[in-house]
Amino acid sequence: MGSFSIWHWLIVLLIVVMIFGTKKLKNMGSDLGGAVKGFKDGMKDGAGPAADAPAGQVGNATAAKDTIDVQAKEKS
């Protein structure tokens, strides 16, 4: 039981196209591409200077001024 040949993959591709149709496959491809692009953009945004600081520490002093301290109260 070796690896699949090119003919196996062509038959699988033909069956998938017959089941879903080319329009739906095109839409799924563009949706997947948009999701990957969004993920990459999110990873770029998160790779700023604050990401280099150890967990639990603030990257710079101005970020500490911008935070708001709140006290949680229990619901009775």
PDB file of N, CA and C in Angstrom:
ATOM      1  N   MET A   1       0.857  -1.172   0.000  1.00  0.00           N
ATOM      2  CA  MET A   1       0.000   0.000   0.000  1.00  0.00           C
ATOM      3  C   MET A   1       0.898   1.227   0.000  1.00  0.00           C
ATOM      4  N   GLY A   2       1.258   1.698  -1.168  1.00  0.00           N
ATOM      5  CA  GLY A   2       2.157   2.832  -1.314  1.00  0.00           C
ATOM      6  C   GLY A   2       1.407   4.150  -1.313  1.00  0.00           C
ATOM      7  N   SER A   3       2.112   5.166  -1.719  1.00  0.00           N
ATOM      8  CA  SER A   3       1.503   6.498  -1.774  1.00  0.00           C
ATOM      9  C   SER A   3       0.583   6.588  -2.983  1.00  0.00           C
ATOM     10  N   PHE A   4      -0.265   7.594  -2.975  1.00  0.00           N
ATOM     11  CA  PHE A   4      -1.219   7.766  -4.067  1.00  0.00           C
ATOM     12  C   PHE A   4      -0.520   8.312  -5.300  1.00  0.00           C
ATOM     13  N   SER A   5      -0.946   7.846  -6.446  1.00  0.00           N
ATOM     14  CA  SER A   5      -0.388   8.347  -7.697  1.00  0.00           C
ATOM     15  C   SER A   5      -1.162   9.585  -8.137  1.00  0.00           C
ATOM     16  N   ILE A   6      -0.725  10.198  -9.206  1.00  0.00           N
ATOM     17  CA  ILE A   6      -1.388  11.387  -9.737  1.00  0.00           C
ATOM     18  C   ILE A   6      -2.815  11.059 -10.172  1.00  0.00           C
ATOM     19  N   TRP A   7      -3.049   9.842 -10.643  1.00  0.00           N
ATOM     20  CA  TRP A   7      -4.393   9.454 -11.087  1.00  0.00           C
ATOM     21  C   TRP A   7      -5.366   9.374  -9.920  1.00  0.00           C
ATOM     22  N   HIS A   8      -4.903   8.918  -8.776  1.00  0.00           N
ATOM     23  CA  HIS A   8      -5.777   8.892  -7.601  1.00  0.00           C
ATOM     24  C   HIS A   8      -6.202  10.311  -7.216  1.00  0.00           C
ATOM     25  N   TRP A   9      -5.242  11.245  -7.217  1.00  0.00           N
ATOM     26  CA  TRP A   9      -5.550  12.623  -6.838  1.00  0.00           C
ATOM     27  C   TRP A   9      -6.467  13.286  -7.863  1.00  0.00           C
ATOM     28  N   LEU A  10      -6.292  12.993  -9.135  1.00  0.00           N
ATOM     29  CA  LEU A  10      -7.176  13.555 -10.157  1.00  0.00           C
ATOM     30  C   LEU A  10      -8.607  13.049 -10.010  1.00  0.00           C
ATOM     31  N   ILE A  11      -8.765  11.785  -9.690  1.00  0.00           N
ATOM     32  CA  ILE A  11     -10.105  11.224  -9.479  1.00  0.00           C
ATOM     33  C   ILE A  11     -10.758  11.851  -8.253  1.00  0.00           C
ATOM     34  N   VAL A  12     -10.011  12.021  -7.191  1.00  0.00           N
ATOM     35  CA  VAL A  12     -10.544  12.662  -5.975  1.00  0.00           C
ATOM     36  C   VAL A  12     -10.948  14.102  -6.284  1.00  0.00           C
ATOM     37  N   LEU A  13     -10.102  14.833  -7.026  1.00  0.00           N
ATOM     38  CA  LEU A  13     -10.419  16.205  -7.395  1.00  0.00           C
ATOM     39  C   LEU A  13     -11.678  16.276  -8.256  1.00  0.00           C
ATOM     40  N   LEU A  14     -11.823  15.367  -9.197  1.00  0.00           N
ATOM     41  CA  LEU A  14     -13.009  15.325 -10.043  1.00  0.00           C
ATOM     42  C   LEU A  14     -14.272  15.071  -9.218  1.00  0.00           C
ATOM     43  N   ILE A  15     -14.203  14.165  -8.279  1.00  0.00           N
ATOM     44  CA  ILE A  15     -15.365  13.865  -7.423  1.00  0.00           C
ATOM     45  C   ILE A  15     -15.727  15.073  -6.563  1.00  0.00           C
ATOM     46  N   VAL A  16     -14.711  15.752  -5.997  1.00  0.00           N
ATOM     47  CA  VAL A  16     -14.973  16.934  -5.165  1.00  0.00           C
ATOM     48  C   VAL A  16     -15.618  18.042  -5.995  1.00  0.00           C
ATOM     49  N   VAL A  17     -15.124  18.259  -7.217  1.00  0.00           N
ATOM     50  CA  VAL A  17     -15.704  19.284  -8.089  1.00  0.00           C
ATOM     51  C   VAL A  17     -17.132  18.916  -8.462  1.00  0.00           C
ATOM     52  N   MET A  18     -17.400  17.650  -8.704  1.00  0.00           N
ATOM     53  CA  MET A  18     -18.761  17.229  -9.051  1.00  0.00           C
ATOM     54  C   MET A  18     -19.707  17.405  -7.865  1.00  0.00           C
ATOM     55  N   ILE A  19     -19.234  17.170  -6.657  1.00  0.00           N
ATOM     56  CA  ILE A  19     -20.107  17.292  -5.478  1.00  0.00           C
ATOM     57  C   ILE A  19     -20.370  18.753  -5.133  1.00  0.00           C
ATOM     58  N   PHE A  20     -19.306  19.562  -5.024  1.00  0.00           N
ATOM     59  CA  PHE A  20     -19.458  20.932  -4.553  1.00  0.00           C
ATOM     60  C   PHE A  20     -19.681  21.946  -5.666  1.00  0.00           C
ATOM     61  N   GLY A  21     -19.152  21.713  -6.825  1.00  0.00           N
ATOM     62  CA  GLY A  21     -19.252  22.679  -7.912  1.00  0.00           C
ATOM     63  C   GLY A  21     -18.118  23.693  -7.820  1.00  0.00           C
ATOM     64  N   THR A  22     -17.800  24.280  -8.966  1.00  0.00           N
ATOM     65  CA  THR A  22     -16.657  25.183  -9.012  1.00  0.00           C
ATOM     66  C   THR A  22     -16.914  26.498  -8.281  1.00  0.00           C
ATOM     67  N   LYS A  23     -18.159  26.997  -8.313  1.00  0.00           N
ATOM     68  CA  LYS A  23     -18.459  28.271  -7.667  1.00  0.00           C
ATOM     69  C   LYS A  23     -18.297  28.164  -6.156  1.00  0.00           C
ATOM     70  N   LYS A  24     -18.797  27.104  -5.570  1.00  0.00           N
ATOM     71  CA  LYS A  24     -18.686  26.936  -4.122  1.00  0.00           C
ATOM     72  C   LYS A  24     -17.229  26.722  -3.711  1.00  0.00           C
ATOM     73  N   LEU A  25     -16.468  25.980  -4.511  1.00  0.00           N
ATOM     74  CA  LEU A  25     -15.048  25.777  -4.204  1.00  0.00           C
ATOM     75  C   LEU A  25     -14.281  27.089  -4.290  1.00  0.00           C
ATOM     76  N   LYS A  26     -14.629  27.938  -5.271  1.00  0.00           N
ATOM     77  CA  LYS A  26     -13.978  29.245  -5.396  1.00  0.00           C
ATOM     78  C   LYS A  26     -14.280  30.106  -4.173  1.00  0.00           C
ATOM     79  N   ASN A  27     -15.528  30.107  -3.719  1.00  0.00           N
ATOM     80  CA  ASN A  27     -15.899  30.878  -2.527  1.00  0.00           C
ATOM     81  C   ASN A  27     -15.187  30.364  -1.283  1.00  0.00           C
ATOM     82  N   MET A  28     -15.092  29.049  -1.155  1.00  0.00           N
ATOM     83  CA  MET A  28     -14.399  28.488   0.008  1.00  0.00           C
ATOM     84  C   MET A  28     -12.918  28.836  -0.025  1.00  0.00           C
ATOM     85  N   GLY A  29     -12.331  28.839  -1.216  1.00  0.00           N
ATOM     86  CA  GLY A  29     -10.922  29.198  -1.349  1.00  0.00           C
ATOM     87  C   GLY A  29     -10.665  30.642  -0.973  1.00  0.00           C
ATOM     88  N   SER A  30     -11.539  31.553  -1.416  1.00  0.00           N
ATOM     89  CA  SER A  30     -11.345  32.967  -1.084  1.00  0.00           C
ATOM     90  C   SER A  30     -11.593  33.211   0.404  1.00  0.00           C
ATOM     91  N   ASP A  31     -12.554  32.510   0.994  1.00  0.00           N
ATOM     92  CA  ASP A  31     -12.789  32.633   2.437  1.00  0.00           C
ATOM     93  C   ASP A  31     -11.591  32.135   3.232  1.00  0.00           C
ATOM     94  N   LEU A  32     -11.032  31.024   2.801  1.00  0.00           N
ATOM     95  CA  LEU A  32      -9.857  30.481   3.480  1.00  0.00           C
ATOM     96  C   LEU A  32      -8.666  31.427   3.335  1.00  0.00           C
ATOM     97  N   GLY A  33      -8.481  31.996   2.155  1.00  0.00           N
ATOM     98  CA  GLY A  33      -7.400  32.957   1.939  1.00  0.00           C
ATOM     99  C   GLY A  33      -7.565  34.200   2.800  1.00  0.00           C
ATOM    100  N   GLY A  34      -8.799  34.683   2.933  1.00  0.00           N
ATOM    101  CA  GLY A  34      -9.065  35.848   3.784  1.00  0.00           C
ATOM    102  C   GLY A  34      -8.792  35.546   5.245  1.00  0.00           C
ATOM    103  N   ALA A  35      -9.133  34.337   5.678  1.00  0.00           N
ATOM    104  CA  ALA A  35      -8.881  33.950   7.060  1.00  0.00           C
ATOM    105  C   ALA A  35      -7.381  33.863   7.344  1.00  0.00           C
ATOM    106  N   VAL A  36      -6.626  33.316   6.407  1.00  0.00           N
ATOM    107  CA  VAL A  36      -5.175  33.211   6.581  1.00  0.00           C
ATOM    108  C   VAL A  36      -4.546  34.599   6.604  1.00  0.00           C
ATOM    109  N   LYS A  37      -5.016  35.493   5.726  1.00  0.00           N
ATOM    110  CA  LYS A  37      -4.490  36.856   5.695  1.00  0.00           C
ATOM    111  C   LYS A  37      -4.805  37.581   7.006  1.00  0.00           C
ATOM    112  N   GLY A  38      -6.012  37.416   7.509  1.00  0.00           N
ATOM    113  CA  GLY A  38      -6.375  38.022   8.792  1.00  0.00           C
ATOM    114  C   GLY A  38      -5.542  37.491   9.935  1.00  0.00           C
ATOM    115  N   PHE A  39      -5.252  36.205   9.908  1.00  0.00           N
ATOM    116  CA  PHE A  39      -4.417  35.602  10.945  1.00  0.00           C
ATOM    117  C   PHE A  39      -3.002  36.167  10.892  1.00  0.00           C
ATOM    118  N   LYS A  40      -2.449  36.294   9.674  1.00  0.00           N
ATOM    119  CA  LYS A  40      -1.095  36.844   9.529  1.00  0.00           C
ATOM    120  C   LYS A  40      -1.043  38.292   9.993  1.00  0.00           C
ATOM    121  N   ASP A  41      -2.066  39.088   9.646  1.00  0.00           N
ATOM    122  CA  ASP A  41      -2.106  40.479  10.094  1.00  0.00           C
ATOM    123  C   ASP A  41      -2.202  40.567  11.614  1.00  0.00           C
ATOM    124  N   GLY A  42      -2.975  39.686  12.205  1.00  0.00           N
ATOM    125  CA  GLY A  42      -3.075  39.650  13.663  1.00  0.00           C
ATOM    126  C   GLY A  42      -1.765  39.265  14.324  1.00  0.00           C
ATOM    127  N   MET A  43      -1.035  38.362  13.706  1.00  0.00           N
ATOM    128  CA  MET A  43       0.257  37.971  14.260  1.00  0.00           C
ATOM    129  C   MET A  43       1.265  39.103  14.140  1.00  0.00           C
ATOM    130  N   LYS A  44       1.203  39.889  13.052  1.00  0.00           N
ATOM    131  CA  LYS A  44       2.094  41.039  12.901  1.00  0.00           C
ATOM    132  C   LYS A  44       1.796  42.090  13.959  1.00  0.00           C
ATOM    133  N   ASP A  45       0.510  42.350  14.222  1.00  0.00           N
ATOM    134  CA  ASP A  45       0.129  43.356  15.210  1.00  0.00           C
ATOM    135  C   ASP A  45       0.574  42.945  16.613  1.00  0.00           C
ATOM    136  N   GLY A  46       0.542  41.682  16.903  1.00  0.00           N
ATOM    137  CA  GLY A  46       0.924  41.197  18.227  1.00  0.00           C
ATOM    138  C   GLY A  46       2.418  41.078  18.421  1.00  0.00           C
ATOM    139  N   ALA A  47       3.206  41.298  17.377  1.00  0.00           N
ATOM    140  CA  ALA A  47       4.657  41.133  17.484  1.00  0.00           C
ATOM    141  C   ALA A  47       5.352  42.457  17.764  1.00  0.00           C
ATOM    142  N   GLY A  48       4.706  43.360  18.481  1.00  0.00           N
ATOM    143  CA  GLY A  48       5.300  44.655  18.804  1.00  0.00           C
ATOM    144  C   GLY A  48       6.288  44.547  19.956  1.00  0.00           C
ATOM    145  N   PRO A  49       6.781  45.683  20.466  1.00  0.00           N
ATOM    146  CA  PRO A  49       7.774  45.671  21.536  1.00  0.00           C
ATOM    147  C   PRO A  49       7.232  45.117  22.851  1.00  0.00           C
ATOM    148  N   ALA A  50       5.928  45.203  23.076  1.00  0.00           N
ATOM    149  CA  ALA A  50       5.363  44.682  24.325  1.00  0.00           C
ATOM    150  C   ALA A  50       5.398  43.158  24.354  1.00  0.00           C
ATOM    151  N   ALA A  51       5.478  42.515  23.202  1.00  0.00           N
ATOM    152  CA  ALA A  51       5.505  41.057  23.153  1.00  0.00           C
ATOM    153  C   ALA A  51       6.840  40.502  23.651  1.00  0.00           C
ATOM    154  N   ASP A  52       7.886  41.338  23.662  1.00  0.00           N
ATOM    155  CA  ASP A  52       9.190  40.885  24.132  1.00  0.00           C
ATOM    156  C   ASP A  52       9.304  40.883  25.654  1.00  0.00           C
ATOM    157  N   ALA A  53       8.421  41.610  26.352  1.00  0.00           N
ATOM    158  CA  ALA A  53       8.467  41.679  27.810  1.00  0.00           C
ATOM    159  C   ALA A  53       7.987  40.362  28.405  1.00  0.00           C
ATOM    160  N   PRO A  54       8.527  39.957  29.540  1.00  0.00           N
ATOM    161  CA  PRO A  54       8.057  38.732  30.195  1.00  0.00           C
ATOM    162  C   PRO A  54       6.602  38.856  30.619  1.00  0.00           C
ATOM    163  N   ALA A  55       5.946  37.740  30.774  1.00  0.00           N
ATOM    164  CA  ALA A  55       4.529  37.723  31.130  1.00  0.00           C
ATOM    165  C   ALA A  55       4.317  38.377  32.488  1.00  0.00           C
ATOM    166  N   GLY A  56       3.287  39.200  32.589  1.00  0.00           N
ATOM    167  CA  GLY A  56       2.956  39.835  33.848  1.00  0.00           C
ATOM    168  C   GLY A  56       3.654  41.164  34.058  1.00  0.00           C
ATOM    169  N   GLN A  57       4.514  41.598  33.159  1.00  0.00           N
ATOM    170  CA  GLN A  57       5.208  42.868  33.299  1.00  0.00           C
ATOM    171  C   GLN A  57       4.769  43.803  32.183  1.00  0.00           C
ATOM    172  N   VAL A  58       4.722  45.081  32.505  1.00  0.00           N
ATOM    173  CA  VAL A  58       4.324  46.088  31.534  1.00  0.00           C
ATOM    174  C   VAL A  58       5.535  46.475  30.707  1.00  0.00           C
ATOM    175  N   GLY A  59       5.335  46.621  29.392  1.00  0.00           N
ATOM    176  CA  GLY A  59       6.435  46.937  28.490  1.00  0.00           C
ATOM    177  C   GLY A  59       7.010  48.318  28.691  1.00  0.00           C
ATOM    178  N   ASN A  60       6.169  49.340  28.972  1.00  0.00           N
ATOM    179  CA  ASN A  60       6.665  50.697  29.197  1.00  0.00           C
ATOM    180  C   ASN A  60       5.829  51.385  30.265  1.00  0.00           C
ATOM    181  N   ALA A  61       6.298  52.524  30.733  1.00  0.00           N
ATOM    182  CA  ALA A  61       5.645  53.199  31.851  1.00  0.00           C
ATOM    183  C   ALA A  61       4.334  53.854  31.432  1.00  0.00           C
ATOM    184  N   THR A  62       4.188  54.272  30.185  1.00  0.00           N
ATOM    185  CA  THR A  62       2.957  54.930  29.765  1.00  0.00           C
ATOM    186  C   THR A  62       1.789  53.960  29.724  1.00  0.00           C
ATOM    187  N   ALA A  63       2.051  52.688  29.494  1.00  0.00           N
ATOM    188  CA  ALA A  63       0.969  51.708  29.472  1.00  0.00           C
ATOM    189  C   ALA A  63       0.356  51.551  30.860  1.00  0.00           C
ATOM    190  N   ALA A  64       1.144  51.724  31.908  1.00  0.00           N
ATOM    191  CA  ALA A  64       0.632  51.610  33.273  1.00  0.00           C
ATOM    192  C   ALA A  64      -0.314  52.758  33.586  1.00  0.00           C
ATOM    193  N   LYS A  65      -0.106  53.945  33.012  1.00  0.00           N
ATOM    194  CA  LYS A  65      -0.979  55.087  33.266  1.00  0.00           C
ATOM    195  C   LYS A  65      -2.321  54.906  32.570  1.00  0.00           C
ATOM    196  N   ASP A  66      -2.358  54.182  31.482  1.00  0.00           N
ATOM    197  CA  ASP A  66      -3.576  54.026  30.709  1.00  0.00           C
ATOM    198  C   ASP A  66      -4.509  52.960  31.254  1.00  0.00           C
ATOM    199  N   THR A  67      -4.028  52.125  32.154  1.00  0.00           N
ATOM    200  CA  THR A  67      -4.878  51.054  32.674  1.00  0.00           C
ATOM    201  C   THR A  67      -5.807  51.592  33.747  1.00  0.00           C
ATOM    202  N   ILE A  68      -6.934  50.983  33.888  1.00  0.00           N
ATOM    203  CA  ILE A  68      -7.928  51.377  34.874  1.00  0.00           C
ATOM    204  C   ILE A  68      -8.078  50.233  35.866  1.00  0.00           C
ATOM    205  N   ASP A  69      -7.935  50.562  37.138  1.00  0.00           N
ATOM    206  CA  ASP A  69      -8.087  49.562  38.193  1.00  0.00           C
ATOM    207  C   ASP A  69      -9.544  49.518  38.626  1.00  0.00           C
ATOM    208  N   VAL A  70     -10.130  48.360  38.626  1.00  0.00           N
ATOM    209  CA  VAL A  70     -11.504  48.202  39.090  1.00  0.00           C
ATOM    210  C   VAL A  70     -11.546  47.102  40.136  1.00  0.00           C
ATOM    211  N   GLN A  71     -12.510  47.204  41.005  1.00  0.00           N
ATOM    212  CA  GLN A  71     -12.656  46.176  42.028  1.00  0.00           C
ATOM    213  C   GLN A  71     -13.949  45.424  41.751  1.00  0.00           C
ATOM    214  N   ALA A  72     -13.836  44.117  41.652  1.00  0.00           N
ATOM    215  CA  ALA A  72     -15.001  43.289  41.377  1.00  0.00           C
ATOM    216  C   ALA A  72     -15.813  43.104  42.644  1.00  0.00           C
ATOM    217  N   LYS A  73     -17.105  43.236  42.507  1.00  0.00           N
ATOM    218  CA  LYS A  73     -18.003  43.007  43.639  1.00  0.00           C
ATOM    219  C   LYS A  73     -18.819  41.759  43.349  1.00  0.00           C
ATOM    220  N   GLU A  74     -19.052  40.972  44.405  1.00  0.00           N
ATOM    221  CA  GLU A  74     -19.843  39.760  44.230  1.00  0.00           C
ATOM    222  C   GLU A  74     -21.312  40.087  44.168  1.00  0.00           C
ATOM    223  N   LYS A  75     -22.008  39.350  43.329  1.00  0.00           N
ATOM    224  CA  LYS A  75     -23.448  39.499  43.218  1.00  0.00           C
ATOM    225  C   LYS A  75     -24.104  38.744  44.362  1.00  0.00           C
ATOM    226  N   SER A  76     -25.058  39.386  44.990  1.00  0.00           N
ATOM    227  CA  SER A  76     -25.716  38.685  46.106  1.00  0.00           C
ATOM    228  C   SER A  76     -27.018  38.078  45.705  1.00  0.00           C
TER     229      SER A  76
END
